[in-house]
Amino acid sequence: MSSAPTQLTPSQEILDAQAEIVEIFSMFDDWTDRYQYIIDLGRKLADLPSAQKIESNRLKGC
């Protein structure tokens, strides 16, 4: 007996986060500004713990 896949609906929290991201990125006129914003966000992140610096976590080509 097979059943149809369950349709998942996004929670309001996800919808709010999505709207915030769209709003932030709409402030940038140029794709390079969006790209720089993403880079700047990444630089604000804490360093990856040494235990997580393993080959299987490496992003190839970055």
C-alpha atoms as a PDB file:
ATOM      1  CA  MET A   1       0.000   0.000   0.000  1.00  0.00           C
ATOM      2  CA  SER A   2       1.594   3.259  -1.072  1.00  0.00           C
ATOM      3  CA  SER A   3       0.553   6.673  -0.016  1.00  0.00           C
ATOM      4  CA  ALA A   4       1.012  10.013  -1.682  1.00  0.00           C
ATOM      5  CA  PRO A   5       3.947  12.054  -0.418  1.00  0.00           C
ATOM      6  CA  THR A   6       3.071  14.416   2.369  1.00  0.00           C
ATOM      7  CA  GLN A   7       3.012  18.049   1.310  1.00  0.00           C
ATOM      8  CA  LEU A   8       5.059  20.103   3.718  1.00  0.00           C
ATOM      9  CA  THR A   9       4.202  23.723   4.233  1.00  0.00           C
ATOM     10  CA  PRO A  10       6.850  26.156   5.402  1.00  0.00           C
ATOM     11  CA  SER A  11       6.480  27.438   8.912  1.00  0.00           C
ATOM     12  CA  GLN A  12       5.891  31.118   9.520  1.00  0.00           C
ATOM     13  CA  GLU A  13       9.406  31.332  10.941  1.00  0.00           C
ATOM     14  CA  ILE A  14      10.859  30.168   7.628  1.00  0.00           C
ATOM     15  CA  LEU A  15       8.622  32.499   5.650  1.00  0.00           C
ATOM     16  CA  ASP A  16       9.674  35.431   7.845  1.00  0.00           C
ATOM     17  CA  ALA A  17      13.360  34.576   7.424  1.00  0.00           C
ATOM     18  CA  GLN A  18      12.884  34.289   3.672  1.00  0.00           C
ATOM     19  CA  ALA A  19      11.181  37.687   3.518  1.00  0.00           C
ATOM     20  CA  GLU A  20      14.011  39.240   5.527  1.00  0.00           C
ATOM     21  CA  ILE A  21      16.634  37.784   3.189  1.00  0.00           C
ATOM     22  CA  VAL A  22      14.752  39.043   0.136  1.00  0.00           C
ATOM     23  CA  GLU A  23      14.475  42.490   1.708  1.00  0.00           C
ATOM     24  CA  ILE A  24      18.188  42.644   2.533  1.00  0.00           C
ATOM     25  CA  PHE A  25      19.296  41.495  -0.899  1.00  0.00           C
ATOM     26  CA  SER A  26      16.881  43.842  -2.660  1.00  0.00           C
ATOM     27  CA  MET A  27      18.879  46.766  -1.237  1.00  0.00           C
ATOM     28  CA  PHE A  28      21.785  45.840  -3.514  1.00  0.00           C
ATOM     29  CA  ASP A  29      21.608  47.013  -7.115  1.00  0.00           C
ATOM     30  CA  ASP A  30      24.484  44.937  -8.405  1.00  0.00           C
ATOM     31  CA  TRP A  31      25.200  41.215  -8.102  1.00  0.00           C
ATOM     32  CA  THR A  32      28.766  41.998  -7.034  1.00  0.00           C
ATOM     33  CA  ASP A  33      27.427  43.904  -4.027  1.00  0.00           C
ATOM     34  CA  ARG A  34      25.306  40.877  -3.078  1.00  0.00           C
ATOM     35  CA  TYR A  35      28.318  38.639  -3.482  1.00  0.00           C
ATOM     36  CA  GLN A  36      30.461  40.915  -1.310  1.00  0.00           C
ATOM     37  CA  TYR A  37      27.741  40.947   1.345  1.00  0.00           C
ATOM     38  CA  ILE A  38      27.798  37.146   1.491  1.00  0.00           C
ATOM     39  CA  ILE A  39      31.592  37.177   1.794  1.00  0.00           C
ATOM     40  CA  ASP A  40      31.391  39.743   4.593  1.00  0.00           C
ATOM     41  CA  LEU A  41      28.837  37.610   6.448  1.00  0.00           C
ATOM     42  CA  GLY A  42      31.154  34.621   6.174  1.00  0.00           C
ATOM     43  CA  ARG A  43      34.055  36.582   7.603  1.00  0.00           C
ATOM     44  CA  LYS A  44      31.973  37.351  10.695  1.00  0.00           C
ATOM     45  CA  LEU A  45      31.451  33.663  11.457  1.00  0.00           C
ATOM     46  CA  ALA A  46      33.456  31.957  14.163  1.00  0.00           C
ATOM     47  CA  ASP A  47      36.332  29.782  12.993  1.00  0.00           C
ATOM     48  CA  LEU A  48      35.536  26.153  12.331  1.00  0.00           C
ATOM     49  CA  PRO A  49      36.610  23.997  15.284  1.00  0.00           C
ATOM     50  CA  SER A  50      39.737  21.945  14.612  1.00  0.00           C
ATOM     51  CA  ALA A  51      37.789  18.714  15.069  1.00  0.00           C
ATOM     52  CA  GLN A  52      35.617  19.686  12.098  1.00  0.00           C
ATOM     53  CA  LYS A  53      38.567  20.467   9.826  1.00  0.00           C
ATOM     54  CA  ILE A  54      38.563  17.080   8.161  1.00  0.00           C
ATOM     55  CA  GLU A  55      38.786  16.122   4.510  1.00  0.00           C
ATOM     56  CA  SER A  56      35.150  15.033   4.268  1.00  0.00           C
ATOM     57  CA  ASN A  57      34.054  18.547   5.310  1.00  0.00           C
ATOM     58  CA  ARG A  58      36.276  20.284   2.755  1.00  0.00           C
ATOM     59  CA  LEU A  59      34.545  22.134  -0.072  1.00  0.00           C
ATOM     60  CA  LYS A  60      36.367  21.205  -3.230  1.00  0.00           C
ATOM     61  CA  GLY A  61      37.291  24.133  -5.446  1.00  0.00           C
ATOM     62  CA  CYS A  62      36.951  26.800  -2.776  1.00  0.00           C
END
